[in-house]
C-alpha atoms as a PDB file:
ATOM      1  CA  UNK A   1     -14.666 -12.242 -12.946  1.00  0.00           C
ATOM      2  CA  UNK A   2     -17.450 -11.294 -15.381  1.00  0.00           C
ATOM      3  CA  UNK A   3     -18.338 -13.099 -18.601  1.00  0.00           C
ATOM      4  CA  UNK A   4     -16.778 -10.560 -21.061  1.00  0.00           C
ATOM      5  CA  UNK A   5     -13.476 -10.782 -19.175  1.00  0.00           C
ATOM      6  CA  UNK A   6     -13.528 -14.589 -19.242  1.00  0.00           C
ATOM      7  CA  UNK A   7     -14.291 -14.652 -22.987  1.00  0.00           C
ATOM      8  CA  UNK A   8     -11.586 -12.132 -23.915  1.00  0.00           C
ATOM      9  CA  UNK A   9      -8.993 -13.791 -21.674  1.00  0.00           C
ATOM     10  CA  UNK A  10      -9.792 -17.203 -23.144  1.00  0.00           C
ATOM     11  CA  UNK A  11      -9.524 -15.905 -26.712  1.00  0.00           C
ATOM     12  CA  UNK A  12      -6.235 -14.100 -26.053  1.00  0.00           C
ATOM     13  CA  UNK A  13      -4.813 -17.165 -24.277  1.00  0.00           C
ATOM     14  CA  UNK A  14      -5.584 -19.373 -27.275  1.00  0.00           C
ATOM     15  CA  UNK A  15      -4.219 -16.758 -29.687  1.00  0.00           C
ATOM     16  CA  UNK A  16      -1.117 -16.349 -27.537  1.00  0.00           C
ATOM     17  CA  UNK A  17      -0.298 -20.036 -27.882  1.00  0.00           C
ATOM     18  CA  UNK A  18       0.319 -19.648 -31.620  1.00  0.00           C
ATOM     19  CA  UNK A  19       3.959 -19.354 -32.804  1.00  0.00           C
ATOM     20  CA  UNK A  20       5.360 -15.844 -32.927  1.00  0.00           C
ATOM     21  CA  UNK A  21       5.789 -16.043 -36.716  1.00  0.00           C
ATOM     22  CA  UNK A  22       2.007 -16.392 -37.045  1.00  0.00           C
ATOM     23  CA  UNK A  23       1.526 -13.269 -34.937  1.00  0.00           C
ATOM     24  CA  UNK A  24       3.922 -11.377 -37.193  1.00  0.00           C
ATOM     25  CA  UNK A  25       1.995 -12.475 -40.282  1.00  0.00           C
ATOM     26  CA  UNK A  26      -1.183 -11.108 -38.681  1.00  0.00           C
ATOM     27  CA  UNK A  27       0.712  -7.970 -37.664  1.00  0.00           C
ATOM     28  CA  UNK A  28       1.707  -7.287 -41.293  1.00  0.00           C
ATOM     29  CA  UNK A  29      -1.931  -7.244 -42.345  1.00  0.00           C
ATOM     30  CA  UNK A  30      -2.949  -5.152 -39.357  1.00  0.00           C
ATOM     31  CA  UNK A  31      -0.204  -2.601 -40.055  1.00  0.00           C
ATOM     32  CA  UNK A  32      -1.521  -2.085 -43.603  1.00  0.00           C
ATOM     33  CA  UNK A  33      -5.060  -1.550 -42.297  1.00  0.00           C
ATOM     34  CA  UNK A  34      -4.022   0.791 -39.487  1.00  0.00           C
ATOM     35  CA  UNK A  35      -1.764   2.986 -41.637  1.00  0.00           C
ATOM     36  CA  UNK A  36      -3.335   2.867 -45.099  1.00  0.00           C
ATOM     37  CA  UNK A  37      -7.038   2.175 -44.538  1.00  0.00           C
ATOM     38  CA  UNK A  38      -8.038   3.341 -41.059  1.00  0.00           C
ATOM     39  CA  UNK A  39      -5.180   5.895 -41.038  1.00  0.00           C
ATOM     40  CA  UNK A  40      -5.050   5.823 -37.269  1.00  0.00           C
ATOM     41  CA  UNK A  41      -3.463   9.102 -36.111  1.00  0.00           C
ATOM     42  CA  UNK A  42      -1.377   9.328 -39.282  1.00  0.00           C
ATOM     43  CA  UNK A  43      -1.369  13.125 -39.110  1.00  0.00           C
ATOM     44  CA  UNK A  44      -0.239  13.067 -35.461  1.00  0.00           C
ATOM     45  CA  UNK A  45       2.592  10.641 -36.256  1.00  0.00           C
ATOM     46  CA  UNK A  46       3.699  12.695 -39.254  1.00  0.00           C
ATOM     47  CA  UNK A  47       3.737  15.936 -37.264  1.00  0.00           C
ATOM     48  CA  UNK A  48       5.563  14.340 -34.317  1.00  0.00           C
ATOM     49  CA  UNK A  49       8.233  12.910 -36.602  1.00  0.00           C
ATOM     50  CA  UNK A  50       8.634  16.091 -38.640  1.00  0.00           C
ATOM     51  CA  UNK A  51       9.093  18.205 -35.522  1.00  0.00           C
ATOM     52  CA  UNK A  52      11.444  15.705 -33.893  1.00  0.00           C
ATOM     53  CA  UNK A  53      13.576  15.177 -37.008  1.00  0.00           C
ATOM     54  CA  UNK A  54      13.475  18.503 -38.908  1.00  0.00           C
ATOM     55  CA  UNK A  55      16.547  17.495 -40.914  1.00  0.00           C
ATOM     56  CA  UNK A  56      14.644  14.679 -42.665  1.00  0.00           C
ATOM     57  CA  UNK A  57      12.970  15.136 -46.030  1.00  0.00           C
ATOM     58  CA  UNK A  58       9.292  14.270 -46.379  1.00  0.00           C
ATOM     59  CA  UNK A  59      10.156  11.019 -48.197  1.00  0.00           C
ATOM     60  CA  UNK A  60      12.319  10.000 -45.240  1.00  0.00           C
ATOM     61  CA  UNK A  61       9.546  10.928 -42.799  1.00  0.00           C
ATOM     62  CA  UNK A  62       7.136   8.690 -44.715  1.00  0.00           C
ATOM     63  CA  UNK A  63       9.634   5.816 -44.550  1.00  0.00           C
ATOM     64  CA  UNK A  64      10.071   6.213 -40.793  1.00  0.00           C
ATOM     65  CA  UNK A  65       6.293   6.495 -40.405  1.00  0.00           C
ATOM     66  CA  UNK A  66       5.722   3.291 -42.361  1.00  0.00           C
ATOM     67  CA  UNK A  67       8.340   1.447 -40.286  1.00  0.00           C
ATOM     68  CA  UNK A  68       6.776   2.834 -37.139  1.00  0.00           C
ATOM     69  CA  UNK A  69       3.338   1.388 -37.977  1.00  0.00           C
ATOM     70  CA  UNK A  70       4.926  -2.019 -38.554  1.00  0.00           C
ATOM     71  CA  UNK A  71       6.611  -1.747 -35.165  1.00  0.00           C
ATOM     72  CA  UNK A  72       3.406  -0.421 -33.558  1.00  0.00           C
ATOM     73  CA  UNK A  73       1.431  -3.480 -34.660  1.00  0.00           C
ATOM     74  CA  UNK A  74       4.306  -5.791 -33.732  1.00  0.00           C
ATOM     75  CA  UNK A  75       4.063  -4.439 -30.171  1.00  0.00           C
ATOM     76  CA  UNK A  76       0.494  -5.736 -29.908  1.00  0.00           C
ATOM     77  CA  UNK A  77       1.324  -9.023 -31.639  1.00  0.00           C
ATOM     78  CA  UNK A  78       4.291  -9.619 -29.321  1.00  0.00           C
ATOM     79  CA  UNK A  79       2.241  -8.681 -26.260  1.00  0.00           C
ATOM     80  CA  UNK A  80      -0.447 -11.233 -27.132  1.00  0.00           C
ATOM     81  CA  UNK A  81       2.178 -13.907 -27.799  1.00  0.00           C
ATOM     82  CA  UNK A  82       3.873 -12.942 -24.530  1.00  0.00           C
ATOM     83  CA  UNK A  83       0.575 -13.449 -22.691  1.00  0.00           C
ATOM     84  CA  UNK A  84       0.603 -17.072 -23.819  1.00  0.00           C
ATOM     85  CA  UNK A  85       4.078 -17.619 -22.373  1.00  0.00           C
ATOM     86  CA  UNK A  86       3.034 -19.274 -19.148  1.00  0.00           C
ATOM     87  CA  UNK A  87       6.121 -21.435 -19.613  1.00  0.00           C
ATOM     88  CA  UNK A  88       9.168 -19.121 -19.307  1.00  0.00           C
ATOM     89  CA  UNK A  89      11.207 -21.556 -21.434  1.00  0.00           C
ATOM     90  CA  UNK A  90       9.290 -20.213 -24.416  1.00  0.00           C
ATOM     91  CA  UNK A  91      10.791 -16.775 -23.844  1.00  0.00           C
ATOM     92  CA  UNK A  92      14.273 -18.230 -23.419  1.00  0.00           C
ATOM     93  CA  UNK A  93      14.032 -20.165 -26.696  1.00  0.00           C
ATOM     94  CA  UNK A  94      12.769 -17.163 -28.622  1.00  0.00           C
ATOM     95  CA  UNK A  95      15.230 -14.718 -27.019  1.00  0.00           C
ATOM     96  CA  UNK A  96      12.743 -11.974 -27.774  1.00  0.00           C
ATOM     97  CA  UNK A  97      14.646  -9.806 -25.287  1.00  0.00           C
ATOM     98  CA  UNK A  98      18.253  -9.980 -24.165  1.00  0.00           C
ATOM     99  CA  UNK A  99      19.623  -8.022 -21.226  1.00  0.00           C
ATOM    100  CA  UNK A 100      23.079  -7.028 -22.417  1.00  0.00           C
ATOM    101  CA  UNK A 101      24.413  -5.861 -19.034  1.00  0.00           C
ATOM    102  CA  UNK A 102      22.577  -7.606 -16.160  1.00  0.00           C
ATOM    103  CA  UNK A 103      25.604  -6.896 -13.976  1.00  0.00           C
ATOM    104  CA  UNK A 104      24.296  -3.345 -13.503  1.00  0.00           C
ATOM    105  CA  UNK A 105      21.236  -4.614 -11.622  1.00  0.00           C
ATOM    106  CA  UNK A 106      23.172  -7.442  -9.985  1.00  0.00           C
ATOM    107  CA  UNK A 107      25.535  -4.871  -8.480  1.00  0.00           C
ATOM    108  CA  UNK A 108      22.648  -3.202  -6.662  1.00  0.00           C
ATOM    109  CA  UNK A 109      21.328  -6.602  -5.583  1.00  0.00           C
ATOM    110  CA  UNK A 110      24.704  -7.273  -3.951  1.00  0.00           C
ATOM    111  CA  UNK A 111      24.574  -3.984  -2.053  1.00  0.00           C
ATOM    112  CA  UNK A 112      20.871  -4.514  -1.186  1.00  0.00           C
ATOM    113  CA  UNK A 113      19.931  -1.103  -2.517  1.00  0.00           C
ATOM    114  CA  UNK A 114      16.470  -0.495  -3.911  1.00  0.00           C
ATOM    115  CA  UNK A 115      16.548   1.140  -7.329  1.00  0.00           C
ATOM    116  CA  UNK A 116      14.283   3.316  -9.453  1.00  0.00           C
ATOM    117  CA  UNK A 117      14.341   2.114 -13.083  1.00  0.00           C
ATOM    118  CA  UNK A 118      13.120   4.644 -15.629  1.00  0.00           C
ATOM    119  CA  UNK A 119      11.857   2.947 -18.787  1.00  0.00           C
ATOM    120  CA  UNK A 120       9.862   4.372 -21.708  1.00  0.00           C
ATOM    121  CA  UNK A 121       7.627   3.617 -24.684  1.00  0.00           C
ATOM    122  CA  UNK A 122      10.584   2.573 -26.801  1.00  0.00           C
ATOM    123  CA  UNK A 123      10.884  -1.068 -27.840  1.00  0.00           C
ATOM    124  CA  UNK A 124       8.023  -3.121 -26.435  1.00  0.00           C
ATOM    125  CA  UNK A 125       7.174  -1.862 -22.974  1.00  0.00           C
ATOM    126  CA  UNK A 126       4.646  -4.685 -22.469  1.00  0.00           C
ATOM    127  CA  UNK A 127       7.390  -7.313 -22.148  1.00  0.00           C
ATOM    128  CA  UNK A 128       8.936  -6.215 -18.846  1.00  0.00           C
ATOM    129  CA  UNK A 129       7.312  -9.056 -16.905  1.00  0.00           C
ATOM    130  CA  UNK A 130       9.586 -11.623 -18.545  1.00  0.00           C
ATOM    131  CA  UNK A 131      12.939 -10.193 -17.457  1.00  0.00           C
ATOM    132  CA  UNK A 132      13.963 -13.369 -15.609  1.00  0.00           C
ATOM    133  CA  UNK A 133      13.910 -15.249 -18.920  1.00  0.00           C
ATOM    134  CA  UNK A 134      15.950 -12.624 -20.762  1.00  0.00           C
ATOM    135  CA  UNK A 135      19.487 -13.284 -19.529  1.00  0.00           C
ATOM    136  CA  UNK A 136      19.867 -17.067 -19.064  1.00  0.00           C
ATOM    137  CA  UNK A 137      23.613 -16.907 -19.778  1.00  0.00           C
ATOM    138  CA  UNK A 138      24.119 -14.239 -17.089  1.00  0.00           C
ATOM    139  CA  UNK A 139      21.169 -14.706 -14.731  1.00  0.00           C
ATOM    140  CA  UNK A 140      19.821 -11.971 -12.519  1.00  0.00           C
ATOM    141  CA  UNK A 141      20.933 -12.421  -8.939  1.00  0.00           C
ATOM    142  CA  UNK A 142      17.655 -11.531  -7.278  1.00  0.00           C
ATOM    143  CA  UNK A 143      14.080 -12.853  -7.281  1.00  0.00           C
ATOM    144  CA  UNK A 144      10.979 -11.864  -9.213  1.00  0.00           C
ATOM    145  CA  UNK A 145       9.443 -10.666  -5.934  1.00  0.00           C
ATOM    146  CA  UNK A 146      12.157  -7.970  -5.878  1.00  0.00           C
ATOM    147  CA  UNK A 147      10.797  -6.400  -9.084  1.00  0.00           C
ATOM    148  CA  UNK A 148       7.917  -3.938  -8.964  1.00  0.00           C
ATOM    149  CA  UNK A 149       6.237  -2.646 -12.114  1.00  0.00           C
ATOM    150  CA  UNK A 150       4.396   0.647 -11.738  1.00  0.00           C
ATOM    151  CA  UNK A 151       1.374   1.231 -13.991  1.00  0.00           C
ATOM    152  CA  UNK A 152      -1.545   3.605 -14.444  1.00  0.00           C
ATOM    153  CA  UNK A 153      -4.908   1.843 -14.129  1.00  0.00           C
ATOM    154  CA  UNK A 154      -6.991   1.774 -17.317  1.00  0.00           C
ATOM    155  CA  UNK A 155     -10.427   3.375 -17.244  1.00  0.00           C
ATOM    156  CA  UNK A 156     -11.974   0.047 -18.309  1.00  0.00           C
ATOM    157  CA  UNK A 157     -11.894  -2.420 -15.413  1.00  0.00           C
ATOM    158  CA  UNK A 158     -12.294  -5.304 -17.863  1.00  0.00           C
ATOM    159  CA  UNK A 159      -9.198  -4.380 -19.886  1.00  0.00           C
ATOM    160  CA  UNK A 160      -7.261  -3.393 -16.778  1.00  0.00           C
ATOM    161  CA  UNK A 161      -7.825  -6.909 -15.429  1.00  0.00           C
ATOM    162  CA  UNK A 162      -6.888  -8.491 -18.766  1.00  0.00           C
ATOM    163  CA  UNK A 163      -3.668  -6.476 -19.114  1.00  0.00           C
ATOM    164  CA  UNK A 164      -2.708  -7.271 -15.524  1.00  0.00           C
ATOM    165  CA  UNK A 165      -2.856 -11.001 -16.264  1.00  0.00           C
ATOM    166  CA  UNK A 166      -1.135 -10.624 -19.636  1.00  0.00           C
ATOM    167  CA  UNK A 167       1.830  -8.707 -18.205  1.00  0.00           C
ATOM    168  CA  UNK A 168       2.330 -11.221 -15.395  1.00  0.00           C
ATOM    169  CA  UNK A 169       1.972 -14.300 -17.604  1.00  0.00           C
ATOM    170  CA  UNK A 170       5.578 -15.638 -17.354  1.00  0.00           C
ATOM    171  CA  UNK A 171       5.929 -15.186 -13.591  1.00  0.00           C
ATOM    172  CA  UNK A 172       6.436 -18.315 -11.544  1.00  0.00           C
ATOM    173  CA  UNK A 173       3.883 -17.259  -8.911  1.00  0.00           C
ATOM    174  CA  UNK A 174       1.407 -14.982 -10.659  1.00  0.00           C
ATOM    175  CA  UNK A 175      -1.326 -15.278  -8.030  1.00  0.00           C
ATOM    176  CA  UNK A 176       0.841 -14.167  -5.114  1.00  0.00           C
ATOM    177  CA  UNK A 177       2.922 -11.574  -6.921  1.00  0.00           C
ATOM    178  CA  UNK A 178       2.633  -8.238  -5.075  1.00  0.00           C
ATOM    179  CA  UNK A 179       4.844  -6.093  -7.289  1.00  0.00           C
ATOM    180  CA  UNK A 180       2.289  -4.911  -9.842  1.00  0.00           C
ATOM    181  CA  UNK A 181       1.666  -1.456  -8.384  1.00  0.00           C
ATOM    182  CA  UNK A 182      -0.866   1.143  -9.426  1.00  0.00           C
ATOM    183  CA  UNK A 183       0.819   4.548  -9.435  1.00  0.00           C
ATOM    184  CA  UNK A 184      -1.215   5.810  -6.472  1.00  0.00           C
ATOM    185  CA  UNK A 185       0.072   2.925  -4.321  1.00  0.00           C
ATOM    186  CA  UNK A 186       3.769   3.461  -4.921  1.00  0.00           C
ATOM    187  CA  UNK A 187       4.677   5.970  -2.204  1.00  0.00           C
ATOM    188  CA  UNK A 188       3.076   3.880   0.524  1.00  0.00           C
ATOM    189  CA  UNK A 189       4.593   0.650  -0.828  1.00  0.00           C
ATOM    190  CA  UNK A 190       8.126   2.083  -1.017  1.00  0.00           C
ATOM    191  CA  UNK A 191       7.872   3.467   2.511  1.00  0.00           C
ATOM    192  CA  UNK A 192       6.605   0.147   3.879  1.00  0.00           C
ATOM    193  CA  UNK A 193       9.367  -1.813   2.111  1.00  0.00           C
ATOM    194  CA  UNK A 194      12.119   0.806   2.401  1.00  0.00           C
ATOM    195  CA  UNK A 195      14.522  -1.625   4.100  1.00  0.00           C
ATOM    196  CA  UNK A 196      14.081  -4.305   1.431  1.00  0.00           C
ATOM    197  CA  UNK A 197      15.687  -4.794  -1.978  1.00  0.00           C
ATOM    198  CA  UNK A 198      13.288  -3.763  -4.744  1.00  0.00           C
ATOM    199  CA  UNK A 199      13.589  -2.576  -8.339  1.00  0.00           C
ATOM    200  CA  UNK A 200      10.786  -0.124  -9.165  1.00  0.00           C
ATOM    201  CA  UNK A 201      10.162   0.158 -12.910  1.00  0.00           C
ATOM    202  CA  UNK A 202       8.432   3.371 -14.023  1.00  0.00           C
ATOM    203  CA  UNK A 203       7.416   4.141 -17.619  1.00  0.00           C
ATOM    204  CA  UNK A 204       8.500   7.739 -17.285  1.00  0.00           C
ATOM    205  CA  UNK A 205       7.970   9.399 -20.686  1.00  0.00           C
ATOM    206  CA  UNK A 206       4.216   9.909 -20.437  1.00  0.00           C
ATOM    207  CA  UNK A 207       2.582  13.305 -20.260  1.00  0.00           C
ATOM    208  CA  UNK A 208       2.027  14.284 -16.606  1.00  0.00           C
ATOM    209  CA  UNK A 209      -1.222  12.939 -15.234  1.00  0.00           C
ATOM    210  CA  UNK A 210      -3.922  15.579 -14.955  1.00  0.00           C
ATOM    211  CA  UNK A 211      -3.878  15.698 -11.159  1.00  0.00           C
ATOM    212  CA  UNK A 212      -0.167  14.969 -10.659  1.00  0.00           C
ATOM    213  CA  UNK A 213       1.839  17.480  -8.678  1.00  0.00           C
ATOM    214  CA  UNK A 214       5.299  17.005 -10.173  1.00  0.00           C
ATOM    215  CA  UNK A 215       5.614  18.616 -13.614  1.00  0.00           C
ATOM    216  CA  UNK A 216       8.766  19.928 -15.271  1.00  0.00           C
ATOM    217  CA  UNK A 217       9.389  21.916 -18.438  1.00  0.00           C
ATOM    218  CA  UNK A 218      12.216  20.346 -20.428  1.00  0.00           C
ATOM    219  CA  UNK A 219      13.417  20.110 -24.020  1.00  0.00           C
ATOM    220  CA  UNK A 220      12.934  16.689 -25.612  1.00  0.00           C
ATOM    221  CA  UNK A 221      13.505  15.942 -29.310  1.00  0.00           C
ATOM    222  CA  UNK A 222      14.045  19.671 -29.837  1.00  0.00           C
ATOM    223  CA  UNK A 223      10.633  20.576 -28.426  1.00  0.00           C
ATOM    224  CA  UNK A 224       9.334  22.076 -25.221  1.00  0.00           C
ATOM    225  CA  UNK A 225       7.907  19.166 -23.236  1.00  0.00           C
ATOM    226  CA  UNK A 226       5.976  18.697 -20.016  1.00  0.00           C
ATOM    227  CA  UNK A 227       7.625  15.909 -18.029  1.00  0.00           C
ATOM    228  CA  UNK A 228       6.649  13.889 -14.953  1.00  0.00           C
ATOM    229  CA  UNK A 229       8.996  14.168 -11.984  1.00  0.00           C
ATOM    230  CA  UNK A 230       7.228  11.824  -9.564  1.00  0.00           C
ATOM    231  CA  UNK A 231       9.707   8.945  -9.903  1.00  0.00           C
ATOM    232  CA  UNK A 232      12.666  11.296  -9.503  1.00  0.00           C
ATOM    233  CA  UNK A 233      11.046  12.811  -6.418  1.00  0.00           C
ATOM    234  CA  UNK A 234      10.610   9.359  -4.851  1.00  0.00           C
ATOM    235  CA  UNK A 235      14.211   8.459  -5.660  1.00  0.00           C
ATOM    236  CA  UNK A 236      15.439  11.654  -3.982  1.00  0.00           C
ATOM    237  CA  UNK A 237      13.215  11.191  -0.945  1.00  0.00           C
ATOM    238  CA  UNK A 238      14.558   7.696  -0.265  1.00  0.00           C
ATOM    239  CA  UNK A 239      18.110   8.284  -1.568  1.00  0.00           C
ATOM    240  CA  UNK A 240      17.836   5.543  -4.197  1.00  0.00           C
ATOM    241  CA  UNK A 241      19.977   4.980  -7.292  1.00  0.00           C
ATOM    242  CA  UNK A 242      18.289   5.755 -10.619  1.00  0.00           C
ATOM    243  CA  UNK A 243      18.856   3.634 -13.719  1.00  0.00           C
ATOM    244  CA  UNK A 244      17.744   4.239 -17.303  1.00  0.00           C
ATOM    245  CA  UNK A 245      16.370   1.224 -19.200  1.00  0.00           C
ATOM    246  CA  UNK A 246      16.883   1.372 -22.949  1.00  0.00           C
ATOM    247  CA  UNK A 247      15.201  -1.104 -25.307  1.00  0.00           C
ATOM    248  CA  UNK A 248      16.431  -1.190 -28.893  1.00  0.00           C
ATOM    249  CA  UNK A 249      15.259  -3.485 -31.700  1.00  0.00           C
ATOM    250  CA  UNK A 250      17.833  -5.984 -32.881  1.00  0.00           C
ATOM    251  CA  UNK A 251      15.826  -7.368 -35.792  1.00  0.00           C
ATOM    252  CA  UNK A 252      12.210  -8.416 -35.781  1.00  0.00           C
ATOM    253  CA  UNK A 253      11.355 -10.421 -32.698  1.00  0.00           C
ATOM    254  CA  UNK A 254      14.482  -9.394 -30.828  1.00  0.00           C
ATOM    255  CA  UNK A 255      15.167  -6.510 -28.456  1.00  0.00           C
ATOM    256  CA  UNK A 256      18.275  -5.525 -26.546  1.00  0.00           C
ATOM    257  CA  UNK A 257      17.730  -4.177 -23.033  1.00  0.00           C
ATOM    258  CA  UNK A 258      20.548  -2.046 -21.679  1.00  0.00           C
ATOM    259  CA  UNK A 259      20.760  -0.366 -18.288  1.00  0.00           C
ATOM    260  CA  UNK A 260      22.627   2.916 -17.750  1.00  0.00           C
ATOM    261  CA  UNK A 261      23.127   4.410 -14.312  1.00  0.00           C
ATOM    262  CA  UNK A 262      21.910   7.998 -14.003  1.00  0.00           C
ATOM    263  CA  UNK A 263      23.007   8.389 -10.388  1.00  0.00           C
ATOM    264  CA  UNK A 264      24.063   6.295  -7.402  1.00  0.00           C
ATOM    265  CA  UNK A 265      22.164   8.436  -4.899  1.00  0.00           C
ATOM    266  CA  UNK A 266      19.308  10.583  -6.123  1.00  0.00           C
ATOM    267  CA  UNK A 267      19.444  12.707  -2.958  1.00  0.00           C
ATOM    268  CA  UNK A 268      22.576  14.294  -4.432  1.00  0.00           C
ATOM    269  CA  UNK A 269      20.750  15.502  -7.566  1.00  0.00           C
ATOM    270  CA  UNK A 270      17.672  17.576  -8.256  1.00  0.00           C
ATOM    271  CA  UNK A 271      14.510  16.149  -9.826  1.00  0.00           C
ATOM    272  CA  UNK A 272      15.191  18.296 -12.871  1.00  0.00           C
ATOM    273  CA  UNK A 273      18.754  16.972 -13.308  1.00  0.00           C
ATOM    274  CA  UNK A 274      17.564  13.358 -13.072  1.00  0.00           C
ATOM    275  CA  UNK A 275      14.697  13.958 -15.498  1.00  0.00           C
ATOM    276  CA  UNK A 276      16.883  15.792 -18.013  1.00  0.00           C
ATOM    277  CA  UNK A 277      19.461  12.984 -18.001  1.00  0.00           C
ATOM    278  CA  UNK A 278      16.702  10.427 -18.513  1.00  0.00           C
ATOM    279  CA  UNK A 279      15.295  12.281 -21.509  1.00  0.00           C
ATOM    280  CA  UNK A 280      18.775  12.842 -22.925  1.00  0.00           C
ATOM    281  CA  UNK A 281      19.430   9.076 -22.907  1.00  0.00           C
ATOM    282  CA  UNK A 282      16.002   8.374 -24.409  1.00  0.00           C
ATOM    283  CA  UNK A 283      16.537  10.950 -27.155  1.00  0.00           C
ATOM    284  CA  UNK A 284      19.879   9.361 -28.053  1.00  0.00           C
ATOM    285  CA  UNK A 285      18.144   5.991 -28.475  1.00  0.00           C
ATOM    286  CA  UNK A 286      15.368   7.492 -30.610  1.00  0.00           C
ATOM    287  CA  UNK A 287      17.790   9.223 -32.943  1.00  0.00           C
ATOM    288  CA  UNK A 288      19.461   5.857 -33.533  1.00  0.00           C
ATOM    289  CA  UNK A 289      16.127   4.058 -34.131  1.00  0.00           C
ATOM    290  CA  UNK A 290      13.407   6.637 -34.845  1.00  0.00           C
ATOM    291  CA  UNK A 291      10.701   4.088 -35.674  1.00  0.00           C
ATOM    292  CA  UNK A 292      11.163   2.324 -32.324  1.00  0.00           C
ATOM    293  CA  UNK A 293       8.842   4.566 -30.296  1.00  0.00           C
ATOM    294  CA  UNK A 294       5.179   5.301 -29.618  1.00  0.00           C
ATOM    295  CA  UNK A 295       4.738   8.212 -32.035  1.00  0.00           C
ATOM    296  CA  UNK A 296       0.923   8.049 -31.953  1.00  0.00           C
ATOM    297  CA  UNK A 297       0.867   9.822 -28.608  1.00  0.00           C
ATOM    298  CA  UNK A 298      -0.101  13.476 -28.529  1.00  0.00           C
ATOM    299  CA  UNK A 299       2.973  14.377 -26.513  1.00  0.00           C
ATOM    300  CA  UNK A 300       3.398  17.884 -27.862  1.00  0.00           C
ATOM    301  CA  UNK A 301       0.311  20.105 -28.108  1.00  0.00           C
END
């Protein structure tokens, strides 16, 4: 580990130990700077919102945009706080996330079926590593080793290493955890562990990677959209169930995670059908909470 990595990790660890309310106070100031002073991608956000919600007046678009920037900065504040949660009890006390229907995943654990979970950039996608602290009243009936999080490696090795540690912070055995999978490793990993119970979590709403083979043309938020089909293809190949993971805000510092089954056996559906259902569920969530999404992305070009 090089010196810059050690310094940044040490700083973030100390910052992460502060109470969440302190992080939100810092987030308020950061949101003002990002939106009003730096104006980070304000035009992109405005255009994305206007095209996605053509029925809204400009005043309403500005309100959603302002609320989005508050949420956007909260995502970073919560992620840093999350990285300091090396004691899972901290997550339980805060109840930053609550899984409202863990029985959906528990059902597949009972049948020993591996599952593809399709998540998105709604809510705070950086908090998925704490799922075993999110339903203490109805605990998950499988182990953290059964959960695999699929990610795309960052171009900076320093920040890739930092984010890896941050996302795994609440795990009981961070050093030996094997489920943090770079996207290029997934096919081989699934094949090797095809007879084992695993939940593979894909953030599936990104633009297709430049060299990816699976690309679909769909309509999302009323706009023609290029969509990745890699996760759906893997689900079909191995005949796995596919589950949508929604993440809605329930007040500041609280998210509700809800799972909805797209299919029980992906081999019985096409990649396009699976992908369209996923985006339909995501669009429904966004129309209920338009600010609760990563609108800075250049999704539509």
